[in-house]
C-alpha atoms as a PDB file:
ATOM      1  CA  MET A   1      21.383  -2.304  -5.151  1.00  0.00           C
ATOM      2  CA  ILE A   2      17.976  -3.689  -4.169  1.00  0.00           C
ATOM      3  CA  LEU A   3      16.136  -1.896  -1.344  1.00  0.00           C
ATOM      4  CA  CYS A   4      13.840  -4.167   0.673  1.00  0.00           C
ATOM      5  CA  CYS A   5      11.019  -2.113   2.208  1.00  0.00           C
ATOM      6  CA  GLY A   6       8.898  -3.559   5.002  1.00  0.00           C
ATOM      7  CA  GLU A   7       9.050  -5.419   8.282  1.00  0.00           C
ATOM      8  CA  ALA A   8      11.766  -6.867  10.475  1.00  0.00           C
ATOM      9  CA  LEU A   9      10.438  -8.717  13.523  1.00  0.00           C
ATOM     10  CA  THR A  10      10.948 -11.515  16.001  1.00  0.00           C
ATOM     11  CA  ASP A  11       9.443 -14.873  15.053  1.00  0.00           C
ATOM     12  CA  LEU A  12       8.525 -16.933  18.108  1.00  0.00           C
ATOM     13  CA  ILE A  13       8.739 -20.512  16.898  1.00  0.00           C
ATOM     14  CA  PRO A  14       7.413 -23.566  18.785  1.00  0.00           C
ATOM     15  CA  GLY A  15      10.137 -25.481  20.602  1.00  0.00           C
ATOM     16  CA  LEU A  16      10.964 -27.310  23.820  1.00  0.00           C
ATOM     17  CA  THR A  17      12.924 -26.354  26.917  1.00  0.00           C
ATOM     18  CA  ALA A  18      15.689 -28.614  28.243  1.00  0.00           C
ATOM     19  CA  ASP A  19      13.146 -30.477  30.378  1.00  0.00           C
ATOM     20  CA  GLY A  20      10.738 -30.955  27.470  1.00  0.00           C
ATOM     21  CA  THR A  21       8.292 -28.178  28.316  1.00  0.00           C
ATOM     22  CA  PRO A  22       6.697 -26.533  25.233  1.00  0.00           C
ATOM     23  CA  ALA A  23       8.067 -23.045  24.638  1.00  0.00           C
ATOM     24  CA  PHE A  24       8.486 -20.389  21.971  1.00  0.00           C
ATOM     25  CA  VAL A  25      11.997 -19.811  20.662  1.00  0.00           C
ATOM     26  CA  PRO A  26      12.797 -16.282  19.374  1.00  0.00           C
ATOM     27  CA  LYS A  27      14.274 -16.037  15.872  1.00  0.00           C
ATOM     28  CA  THR A  28      14.964 -13.067  13.652  1.00  0.00           C
ATOM     29  CA  GLY A  29      12.391 -12.797  10.896  1.00  0.00           C
ATOM     30  CA  GLY A  30       9.851 -10.847   8.883  1.00  0.00           C
ATOM     31  CA  SER A  31       9.076 -11.380   5.211  1.00  0.00           C
ATOM     32  CA  VAL A  32      10.962  -8.371   3.862  1.00  0.00           C
ATOM     33  CA  PHE A  33      13.806  -8.853   6.368  1.00  0.00           C
ATOM     34  CA  ASN A  34      14.136 -12.465   5.183  1.00  0.00           C
ATOM     35  CA  THR A  35      14.376 -11.363   1.558  1.00  0.00           C
ATOM     36  CA  ALA A  36      17.033  -8.766   2.388  1.00  0.00           C
ATOM     37  CA  VAL A  37      19.108 -11.360   4.265  1.00  0.00           C
ATOM     38  CA  ALA A  38      18.662 -13.917   1.486  1.00  0.00           C
ATOM     39  CA  LEU A  39      19.802 -11.402  -1.137  1.00  0.00           C
ATOM     40  CA  GLY A  40      22.830 -10.505   0.948  1.00  0.00           C
ATOM     41  CA  ARG A  41      23.744 -14.151   1.435  1.00  0.00           C
ATOM     42  CA  LEU A  42      23.495 -14.686  -2.320  1.00  0.00           C
ATOM     43  CA  GLY A  43      26.034 -11.916  -2.851  1.00  0.00           C
ATOM     44  CA  ILE A  44      23.551  -9.360  -4.196  1.00  0.00           C
ATOM     45  CA  PRO A  45      23.930  -5.723  -3.011  1.00  0.00           C
ATOM     46  CA  ALA A  46      20.914  -5.230  -0.737  1.00  0.00           C
ATOM     47  CA  ALA A  47      19.599  -2.634   1.703  1.00  0.00           C
ATOM     48  CA  PHE A  48      16.716  -2.530   4.168  1.00  0.00           C
ATOM     49  CA  LEU A  49      14.174   0.226   4.840  1.00  0.00           C
ATOM     50  CA  GLY A  50      11.775  -0.272   7.723  1.00  0.00           C
ATOM     51  CA  GLY A  51      11.303   0.844  11.290  1.00  0.00           C
ATOM     52  CA  LEU A  52      13.796  -0.859  13.615  1.00  0.00           C
ATOM     53  CA  SER A  53      13.773  -0.872  17.411  1.00  0.00           C
ATOM     54  CA  SER A  54      16.620  -0.055  19.775  1.00  0.00           C
ATOM     55  CA  ASP A  55      15.494  -2.962  22.016  1.00  0.00           C
ATOM     56  CA  PHE A  56      17.503  -6.187  22.220  1.00  0.00           C
ATOM     57  CA  PHE A  57      15.349  -7.869  19.565  1.00  0.00           C
ATOM     58  CA  GLY A  58      16.197  -4.957  17.275  1.00  0.00           C
ATOM     59  CA  ASP A  59      19.866  -5.478  18.099  1.00  0.00           C
ATOM     60  CA  GLU A  60      19.611  -9.073  16.848  1.00  0.00           C
ATOM     61  CA  LEU A  61      17.863  -7.983  13.655  1.00  0.00           C
ATOM     62  CA  ARG A  62      20.568  -5.439  12.881  1.00  0.00           C
ATOM     63  CA  LYS A  63      23.318  -7.964  13.632  1.00  0.00           C
ATOM     64  CA  ALA A  64      21.724 -10.533  11.319  1.00  0.00           C
ATOM     65  CA  MET A  65      21.431  -8.071   8.442  1.00  0.00           C
ATOM     66  CA  LEU A  66      24.973  -6.782   8.877  1.00  0.00           C
ATOM     67  CA  ALA A  67      26.237 -10.388   8.937  1.00  0.00           C
ATOM     68  CA  ALA A  68      24.618 -10.850   5.512  1.00  0.00           C
ATOM     69  CA  ASN A  69      26.149  -7.568   4.249  1.00  0.00           C
ATOM     70  CA  VAL A  70      22.770  -5.803   4.115  1.00  0.00           C
ATOM     71  CA  ASP A  71      22.983  -1.996   4.239  1.00  0.00           C
ATOM     72  CA  ILE A  72      20.735  -0.709   7.065  1.00  0.00           C
ATOM     73  CA  SER A  73      21.734   2.961   6.878  1.00  0.00           C
ATOM     74  CA  LEU A  74      18.309   4.004   5.520  1.00  0.00           C
ATOM     75  CA  ALA A  75      16.323   2.276   8.296  1.00  0.00           C
ATOM     76  CA  PRO A  76      15.195   4.602  11.121  1.00  0.00           C
ATOM     77  CA  VAL A  77      15.742   3.328  14.676  1.00  0.00           C
ATOM     78  CA  SER A  78      13.373   4.246  17.524  1.00  0.00           C
ATOM     79  CA  GLU A  79      12.694   3.201  21.120  1.00  0.00           C
ATOM     80  CA  ARG A  80       9.416   1.586  20.064  1.00  0.00           C
ATOM     81  CA  TYR A  81       9.317  -2.194  20.443  1.00  0.00           C
ATOM     82  CA  THR A  82      10.000  -4.905  17.858  1.00  0.00           C
ATOM     83  CA  ILE A  83       6.982  -6.736  16.408  1.00  0.00           C
ATOM     84  CA  ALA A  84       6.444 -10.248  17.800  1.00  0.00           C
ATOM     85  CA  ALA A  85       5.082 -12.893  15.430  1.00  0.00           C
ATOM     86  CA  PHE A  86       3.953 -16.095  17.145  1.00  0.00           C
ATOM     87  CA  VAL A  87       4.204 -19.020  14.752  1.00  0.00           C
ATOM     88  CA  LYS A  88       2.037 -22.147  14.800  1.00  0.00           C
ATOM     89  CA  LEU A  89       3.080 -25.058  12.601  1.00  0.00           C
ATOM     90  CA  GLU A  90       0.340 -27.269  11.147  1.00  0.00           C
ATOM     91  CA  ASP A  91       1.534 -30.028   8.796  1.00  0.00           C
ATOM     92  CA  ASN A  92       4.816 -28.070   8.450  1.00  0.00           C
ATOM     93  CA  GLN A  93       2.857 -25.015   7.263  1.00  0.00           C
ATOM     94  CA  ALA A  94       3.265 -21.791   9.237  1.00  0.00           C
ATOM     95  CA  ARG A  95       0.395 -19.701  10.645  1.00  0.00           C
ATOM     96  CA  TYR A  96       1.041 -16.383  12.366  1.00  0.00           C
ATOM     97  CA  SER A  97      -0.332 -14.210  15.151  1.00  0.00           C
ATOM     98  CA  PHE A  98       1.177 -10.720  15.475  1.00  0.00           C
ATOM     99  CA  ILE A  99       1.684  -8.230  18.301  1.00  0.00           C
ATOM    100  CA  ASP A 100       2.413  -4.988  16.470  1.00  0.00           C
ATOM    101  CA  GLU A 101       0.360  -2.073  17.844  1.00  0.00           C
ATOM    102  CA  GLY A 102       2.682   0.941  18.253  1.00  0.00           C
ATOM    103  CA  SER A 103       5.751  -1.001  17.092  1.00  0.00           C
ATOM    104  CA  ALA A 104       8.824   0.521  15.452  1.00  0.00           C
ATOM    105  CA  CYS A 105       7.777  -1.061  12.158  1.00  0.00           C
ATOM    106  CA  ARG A 106       4.145  -0.023  12.263  1.00  0.00           C
ATOM    107  CA  MET A 107       4.751   3.595  13.215  1.00  0.00           C
ATOM    108  CA  LEU A 108       6.947   4.415  10.211  1.00  0.00           C
ATOM    109  CA  ALA A 109       5.078   7.356   8.645  1.00  0.00           C
ATOM    110  CA  PRO A 110       5.256   8.964   5.188  1.00  0.00           C
ATOM    111  CA  GLU A 111       7.217  11.904   6.613  1.00  0.00           C
ATOM    112  CA  ASP A 112       9.898   9.435   7.819  1.00  0.00           C
ATOM    113  CA  LEU A 113      10.767   8.303   4.301  1.00  0.00           C
ATOM    114  CA  PRO A 114      14.352   9.145   3.333  1.00  0.00           C
ATOM    115  CA  ALA A 115      15.600  10.336  -0.030  1.00  0.00           C
ATOM    116  CA  LEU A 116      16.987   7.321  -1.846  1.00  0.00           C
ATOM    117  CA  PRO A 117      20.567   7.345  -3.135  1.00  0.00           C
ATOM    118  CA  ASP A 118      21.265   6.743  -6.817  1.00  0.00           C
ATOM    119  CA  ARG A 119      22.770   3.318  -6.084  1.00  0.00           C
ATOM    120  CA  ILE A 120      19.252   1.938  -5.451  1.00  0.00           C
ATOM    121  CA  SER A 121      18.070   0.435  -8.750  1.00  0.00           C
ATOM    122  CA  ALA A 122      15.127  -1.632  -7.498  1.00  0.00           C
ATOM    123  CA  LEU A 123      12.664  -1.767  -4.604  1.00  0.00           C
ATOM    124  CA  HIS A 124      11.074  -4.857  -3.105  1.00  0.00           C
ATOM    125  CA  LEU A 125       8.004  -4.348  -0.934  1.00  0.00           C
ATOM    126  CA  GLY A 126       4.961  -6.164   0.328  1.00  0.00           C
ATOM    127  CA  SER A 127       3.653  -8.264   3.200  1.00  0.00           C
ATOM    128  CA  PHE A 128       1.507  -7.159   6.125  1.00  0.00           C
ATOM    129  CA  PRO A 129       2.962  -3.633   6.665  1.00  0.00           C
ATOM    130  CA  LEU A 130       0.750  -2.620   3.737  1.00  0.00           C
ATOM    131  CA  ALA A 131      -2.311  -3.641   5.777  1.00  0.00           C
ATOM    132  CA  ILE A 132      -1.548  -1.509   8.855  1.00  0.00           C
ATOM    133  CA  GLU A 133      -1.118   2.225   9.425  1.00  0.00           C
ATOM    134  CA  PRO A 134       0.709   4.500   9.190  1.00  0.00           C
ATOM    135  CA  CYS A 135       3.406   2.311   7.598  1.00  0.00           C
ATOM    136  CA  GLY A 136       1.021   1.057   4.904  1.00  0.00           C
ATOM    137  CA  SER A 137       0.536   4.592   3.615  1.00  0.00           C
ATOM    138  CA  ALA A 138       4.281   5.247   3.915  1.00  0.00           C
ATOM    139  CA  PHE A 139       5.273   2.286   1.758  1.00  0.00           C
ATOM    140  CA  GLU A 140       2.554   2.999  -0.805  1.00  0.00           C
ATOM    141  CA  GLU A 141       3.788   6.601  -1.026  1.00  0.00           C
ATOM    142  CA  LEU A 142       7.374   5.372  -1.437  1.00  0.00           C
ATOM    143  CA  CYS A 143       6.264   3.149  -4.299  1.00  0.00           C
ATOM    144  CA  ARG A 144       4.372   6.033  -5.929  1.00  0.00           C
ATOM    145  CA  ARG A 145       7.393   8.315  -5.552  1.00  0.00           C
ATOM    146  CA  GLU A 146       9.947   5.877  -6.986  1.00  0.00           C
ATOM    147  CA  CYS A 147       8.063   3.750  -9.536  1.00  0.00           C
ATOM    148  CA  HIS A 148       8.843   5.976 -12.525  1.00  0.00           C
ATOM    149  CA  THR A 149      12.609   5.519 -12.302  1.00  0.00           C
ATOM    150  CA  ARG A 150      13.282   2.341 -10.308  1.00  0.00           C
ATOM    151  CA  VAL A 151      12.166  -1.269 -10.753  1.00  0.00           C
ATOM    152  CA  ILE A 152       9.395  -2.217  -8.322  1.00  0.00           C
ATOM    153  CA  HIS A 153       8.984  -5.819  -7.142  1.00  0.00           C
ATOM    154  CA  PHE A 154       5.783  -6.451  -5.176  1.00  0.00           C
ATOM    155  CA  ASP A 155       4.791  -9.487  -3.094  1.00  0.00           C
ATOM    156  CA  PRO A 156       1.307  -9.084  -1.516  1.00  0.00           C
ATOM    157  CA  ASN A 157       2.098 -11.913   0.963  1.00  0.00           C
ATOM    158  CA  ILE A 158      -1.383 -11.796   2.468  1.00  0.00           C
ATOM    159  CA  ARG A 159      -1.715 -12.128   6.262  1.00  0.00           C
ATOM    160  CA  ALA A 160      -5.501 -12.349   6.496  1.00  0.00           C
ATOM    161  CA  ASN A 161      -5.711 -12.071  10.293  1.00  0.00           C
ATOM    162  CA  LEU A 162      -4.211  -8.565  10.138  1.00  0.00           C
ATOM    163  CA  ILE A 163      -6.458  -7.261   7.367  1.00  0.00           C
ATOM    164  CA  LYS A 164      -9.503  -5.537   8.839  1.00  0.00           C
ATOM    165  CA  ASP A 165     -10.772  -4.028   5.582  1.00  0.00           C
ATOM    166  CA  ARG A 166     -10.610  -6.672   2.863  1.00  0.00           C
ATOM    167  CA  ALA A 167     -11.997  -4.453   0.091  1.00  0.00           C
ATOM    168  CA  GLY A 168      -9.729  -1.561   1.041  1.00  0.00           C
ATOM    169  CA  HIS A 169      -6.646  -3.765   1.128  1.00  0.00           C
ATOM    170  CA  ARG A 170      -7.530  -5.300  -2.222  1.00  0.00           C
ATOM    171  CA  LYS A 171      -7.695  -1.776  -3.675  1.00  0.00           C
ATOM    172  CA  ARG A 172      -4.265  -0.938  -2.228  1.00  0.00           C
ATOM    173  CA  VAL A 173      -2.849  -4.138  -3.709  1.00  0.00           C
ATOM    174  CA  GLU A 174      -4.264  -3.214  -7.111  1.00  0.00           C
ATOM    175  CA  ARG A 175      -2.847   0.322  -6.900  1.00  0.00           C
ATOM    176  CA  ILE A 176       0.605  -1.066  -6.152  1.00  0.00           C
ATOM    177  CA  VAL A 177       0.328  -3.677  -8.921  1.00  0.00           C
ATOM    178  CA  ALA A 178      -0.292  -0.792 -11.335  1.00  0.00           C
ATOM    179  CA  MET A 179       3.000   0.789 -10.178  1.00  0.00           C
ATOM    180  CA  SER A 180       4.986  -2.465 -10.189  1.00  0.00           C
ATOM    181  CA  ASP A 181       7.202  -4.097 -12.785  1.00  0.00           C
ATOM    182  CA  LEU A 182       7.443  -7.532 -11.118  1.00  0.00           C
ATOM    183  CA  VAL A 183       4.708  -9.149  -9.031  1.00  0.00           C
ATOM    184  CA  LYS A 184       5.144 -12.418  -7.168  1.00  0.00           C
ATOM    185  CA  MET A 185       2.406 -14.080  -5.121  1.00  0.00           C
ATOM    186  CA  SER A 186       1.612 -17.511  -3.743  1.00  0.00           C
ATOM    187  CA  ASP A 187      -1.361 -19.621  -4.714  1.00  0.00           C
ATOM    188  CA  GLU A 188      -2.665 -18.914  -1.186  1.00  0.00           C
ATOM    189  CA  ASP A 189      -2.480 -15.167  -1.868  1.00  0.00           C
ATOM    190  CA  LEU A 190      -4.417 -15.729  -5.084  1.00  0.00           C
ATOM    191  CA  ALA A 191      -7.116 -17.674  -3.229  1.00  0.00           C
ATOM    192  CA  TRP A 192      -7.573 -14.743  -0.802  1.00  0.00           C
ATOM    193  CA  LEU A 193      -7.450 -12.019  -3.441  1.00  0.00           C
ATOM    194  CA  ALA A 194      -9.741 -13.738  -5.935  1.00  0.00           C
ATOM    195  CA  PRO A 195     -11.404 -16.926  -4.640  1.00  0.00           C
ATOM    196  CA  GLY A 196     -12.057 -19.360  -7.462  1.00  0.00           C
ATOM    197  CA  ALA A 197     -10.350 -17.210 -10.097  1.00  0.00           C
ATOM    198  CA  ASN A 198      -8.703 -18.726 -13.138  1.00  0.00           C
ATOM    199  CA  LEU A 199      -4.954 -18.304 -12.668  1.00  0.00           C
ATOM    200  CA  GLU A 200      -4.132 -17.258 -16.223  1.00  0.00           C
ATOM    201  CA  ILE A 201      -7.039 -14.818 -16.508  1.00  0.00           C
ATOM    202  CA  PHE A 202      -6.116 -13.277 -13.161  1.00  0.00           C
ATOM    203  CA  ALA A 203      -2.448 -12.910 -14.154  1.00  0.00           C
ATOM    204  CA  GLN A 204      -3.364 -11.308 -17.468  1.00  0.00           C
ATOM    205  CA  ASP A 205      -5.590  -8.831 -15.626  1.00  0.00           C
ATOM    206  CA  TRP A 206      -2.645  -7.768 -13.438  1.00  0.00           C
ATOM    207  CA  LEU A 207      -0.448  -7.474 -16.526  1.00  0.00           C
ATOM    208  CA  LYS A 208      -3.009  -5.140 -18.060  1.00  0.00           C
ATOM    209  CA  ARG A 209      -2.955  -3.068 -14.871  1.00  0.00           C
ATOM    210  CA  GLY A 210       0.758  -2.401 -15.280  1.00  0.00           C
ATOM    211  CA  ALA A 211       2.934  -5.321 -14.174  1.00  0.00           C
ATOM    212  CA  LYS A 212       5.390  -6.720 -16.738  1.00  0.00           C
ATOM    213  CA  LEU A 213       5.834 -10.138 -15.082  1.00  0.00           C
ATOM    214  CA  VAL A 214       3.467 -11.975 -12.730  1.00  0.00           C
ATOM    215  CA  VAL A 215       4.816 -15.021 -10.882  1.00  0.00           C
ATOM    216  CA  VAL A 216       2.721 -17.451  -8.832  1.00  0.00           C
ATOM    217  CA  THR A 217       4.406 -19.917  -6.481  1.00  0.00           C
ATOM    218  CA  ARG A 218       2.744 -23.278  -5.834  1.00  0.00           C
ATOM    219  CA  GLY A 219       4.762 -24.841  -3.029  1.00  0.00           C
ATOM    220  CA  LYS A 220       6.064 -28.297  -3.915  1.00  0.00           C
ATOM    221  CA  ASP A 221       4.597 -27.902  -7.414  1.00  0.00           C
ATOM    222  CA  GLY A 222       7.026 -25.157  -8.384  1.00  0.00           C
ATOM    223  CA  ALA A 223       6.101 -21.842  -9.962  1.00  0.00           C
ATOM    224  CA  VAL A 224       4.516 -20.360 -13.056  1.00  0.00           C
ATOM    225  CA  ALA A 225       5.109 -16.953 -14.600  1.00  0.00           C
ATOM    226  CA  PHE A 226       3.222 -14.832 -17.106  1.00  0.00           C
ATOM    227  CA  THR A 227       4.077 -11.914 -19.369  1.00  0.00           C
ATOM    228  CA  ARG A 228       1.845 -10.529 -22.108  1.00  0.00           C
ATOM    229  CA  GLU A 229       3.785 -12.637 -24.619  1.00  0.00           C
ATOM    230  CA  PHE A 230       4.386 -15.992 -22.931  1.00  0.00           C
ATOM    231  CA  ARG A 231       3.912 -18.374 -20.004  1.00  0.00           C
ATOM    232  CA  ALA A 232       6.864 -20.057 -18.244  1.00  0.00           C
ATOM    233  CA  GLU A 233       6.700 -22.859 -15.695  1.00  0.00           C
ATOM    234  CA  VAL A 234       9.205 -24.824 -13.608  1.00  0.00           C
ATOM    235  CA  PRO A 235       8.567 -27.800 -11.305  1.00  0.00           C
ATOM    236  CA  GLY A 236       9.333 -27.941  -7.617  1.00  0.00           C
ATOM    237  CA  LEU A 237      12.302 -29.817  -6.152  1.00  0.00           C
ATOM    238  CA  ALA A 238      11.902 -32.916  -4.003  1.00  0.00           C
ATOM    239  CA  VAL A 239      13.106 -32.085  -0.500  1.00  0.00           C
ATOM    240  CA  LYS A 240      12.366 -33.134   3.060  1.00  0.00           C
ATOM    241  CA  VAL A 241      10.479 -30.170   4.522  1.00  0.00           C
ATOM    242  CA  ALA A 242      11.358 -28.932   8.008  1.00  0.00           C
ATOM    243  CA  ASP A 243       8.904 -26.032   7.750  1.00  0.00           C
ATOM    244  CA  THR A 244       7.894 -23.402   5.200  1.00  0.00           C
ATOM    245  CA  ILE A 245       8.930 -20.302   7.163  1.00  0.00           C
ATOM    246  CA  GLY A 246      10.704 -17.893   4.807  1.00  0.00           C
ATOM    247  CA  ALA A 247      10.215 -20.030   1.693  1.00  0.00           C
ATOM    248  CA  GLY A 248       8.381 -17.388  -0.315  1.00  0.00           C
ATOM    249  CA  ASP A 249      10.776 -14.667   0.849  1.00  0.00           C
ATOM    250  CA  THR A 250      13.756 -16.727  -0.312  1.00  0.00           C
ATOM    251  CA  PHE A 251      12.012 -17.394  -3.630  1.00  0.00           C
ATOM    252  CA  THR A 252      11.718 -13.632  -4.098  1.00  0.00           C
ATOM    253  CA  ALA A 253      15.424 -13.219  -3.378  1.00  0.00           C
ATOM    254  CA  GLY A 254      16.322 -15.925  -5.892  1.00  0.00           C
ATOM    255  CA  LEU A 255      14.159 -14.306  -8.560  1.00  0.00           C
ATOM    256  CA  LEU A 256      15.676 -10.864  -8.012  1.00  0.00           C
ATOM    257  CA  ALA A 257      19.199 -12.300  -7.727  1.00  0.00           C
ATOM    258  CA  SER A 258      18.879 -13.980 -11.102  1.00  0.00           C
ATOM    259  CA  PHE A 259      17.700 -10.791 -12.816  1.00  0.00           C
ATOM    260  CA  HIS A 260      20.437  -8.783 -11.088  1.00  0.00           C
ATOM    261  CA  LYS A 261      23.174 -11.179 -12.180  1.00  0.00           C
ATOM    262  CA  ALA A 262      21.846 -11.078 -15.751  1.00  0.00           C
ATOM    263  CA  ASP A 263      21.841  -7.254 -15.668  1.00  0.00           C
ATOM    264  CA  ARG A 264      18.048  -7.232 -16.096  1.00  0.00           C
ATOM    265  CA  LEU A 265      17.053  -5.040 -13.148  1.00  0.00           C
ATOM    266  CA  SER A 266      16.158  -1.956 -15.129  1.00  0.00           C
ATOM    267  CA  LYS A 267      12.699  -0.905 -16.212  1.00  0.00           C
ATOM    268  CA  ALA A 268      13.531  -1.322 -19.892  1.00  0.00           C
ATOM    269  CA  ALA A 269      15.078  -4.759 -19.374  1.00  0.00           C
ATOM    270  CA  ILE A 270      12.150  -6.033 -17.303  1.00  0.00           C
ATOM    271  CA  ALA A 271       9.707  -4.832 -19.961  1.00  0.00           C
ATOM    272  CA  ALA A 272      11.671  -6.821 -22.552  1.00  0.00           C
ATOM    273  CA  LEU A 273      12.157 -10.069 -20.610  1.00  0.00           C
ATOM    274  CA  ASP A 274      12.482 -13.203 -22.721  1.00  0.00           C
ATOM    275  CA  GLN A 275      11.324 -16.688 -21.780  1.00  0.00           C
ATOM    276  CA  GLU A 276      14.852 -18.032 -21.252  1.00  0.00           C
ATOM    277  CA  SER A 277      15.644 -15.341 -18.671  1.00  0.00           C
ATOM    278  CA  VAL A 278      12.384 -15.919 -16.826  1.00  0.00           C
ATOM    279  CA  VAL A 279      12.864 -19.702 -16.695  1.00  0.00           C
ATOM    280  CA  ALA A 280      16.406 -19.248 -15.373  1.00  0.00           C
ATOM    281  CA  ALA A 281      15.114 -16.893 -12.658  1.00  0.00           C
ATOM    282  CA  LEU A 282      12.346 -19.302 -11.666  1.00  0.00           C
ATOM    283  CA  LYS A 283      14.800 -22.192 -11.417  1.00  0.00           C
ATOM    284  CA  LEU A 284      17.165 -20.269  -9.156  1.00  0.00           C
ATOM    285  CA  ALA A 285      14.248 -19.091  -7.010  1.00  0.00           C
ATOM    286  CA  VAL A 286      12.869 -22.624  -6.599  1.00  0.00           C
ATOM    287  CA  LYS A 287      16.348 -23.968  -5.780  1.00  0.00           C
ATOM    288  CA  ALA A 288      16.945 -21.310  -3.135  1.00  0.00           C
ATOM    289  CA  ALA A 289      13.513 -21.807  -1.550  1.00  0.00           C
ATOM    290  CA  ALA A 290      14.072 -25.570  -1.421  1.00  0.00           C
ATOM    291  CA  VAL A 291      17.125 -25.024   0.777  1.00  0.00           C
ATOM    292  CA  THR A 292      15.165 -22.796   3.143  1.00  0.00           C
ATOM    293  CA  VAL A 293      12.303 -25.262   3.634  1.00  0.00           C
ATOM    294  CA  SER A 294      14.794 -28.055   4.324  1.00  0.00           C
ATOM    295  CA  ARG A 295      15.856 -26.469   7.623  1.00  0.00           C
ATOM    296  CA  PRO A 296      13.926 -24.983  10.547  1.00  0.00           C
ATOM    297  CA  GLY A 297      12.971 -21.331  10.538  1.00  0.00           C
ATOM    298  CA  ALA A 298      13.848 -18.722   7.937  1.00  0.00           C
ATOM    299  CA  ASP A 299      17.444 -19.700   7.170  1.00  0.00           C
ATOM    300  CA  PRO A 300      18.134 -18.783   3.524  1.00  0.00           C
ATOM    301  CA  PRO A 301      21.040 -20.294   1.616  1.00  0.00           C
ATOM    302  CA  TRP A 302      24.425 -18.708   0.982  1.00  0.00           C
ATOM    303  CA  ALA A 303      25.644 -18.427  -2.595  1.00  0.00           C
ATOM    304  CA  HIS A 304      28.024 -21.394  -2.285  1.00  0.00           C
ATOM    305  CA  GLU A 305      25.097 -23.670  -1.309  1.00  0.00           C
ATOM    306  CA  LEU A 306      23.447 -23.133  -4.696  1.00  0.00           C
ATOM    307  CA  LYS A 307      26.455 -23.959  -6.859  1.00  0.00           C
ATOM    308  CA  GLY A 308      26.341 -27.057  -8.971  1.00  0.00           C
END
């Protein structure tokens, strides 16, 4: 089972009322939530760990995860409110503004971390909870506690407007990379983390720090992956884009789903990945993400939509 550790929130997406007045439409969302739902829809055993609210937005988040067969038994529920993420679309690209101070997600503390059952073989974590406290320290501690025995997948998923200490956050990212087996980031993340850096040199640096596979997504241009032994690359798929909300999160789910189905989600198997397995994972990830961008909001595909 893959445990997705991070945020579940309400995306407020631009829309129109019945009389044509601009409005924000609430949708379930959050990067790590999206990945958990996408994994569940793809038939992969998945669980979620993050602070959830008992408010009605939290009710919708729990319903959505249960509908995708995501185990939420490890996620603490409190009376604190659900994070609101206001979304602005510019050329079909999403920008975010968050209301999160004192939220159920943010206030998850290291002492709230549960013991993990043996059925958890891999952890996925990342996104903006690592940039805020106390949940940032909680998730870093979880990674430190579990990285010796379970596969760690890390997606920095930079949200620059929430990062108050750029140098400090970069150091946290590097600490987690050193504990991770799989690292996936977008070309936009790379531009924030290392402006002007050479992609291959940067990836090799992260491999030296500890990661076994570094994947960089490039939107419509597909994705490229690096190990210490080889480089693998797949093109993007031509699709009419509704918006990009949840695209990277779905890509992550596709990547992890492929490795899970191939029985590769162990530390030894990840360390010994071959090029064929990596290319197959990239292709499934790109295919899954292409479905998500073809429809509004974060609406990942079900397994039957990827057949053929």
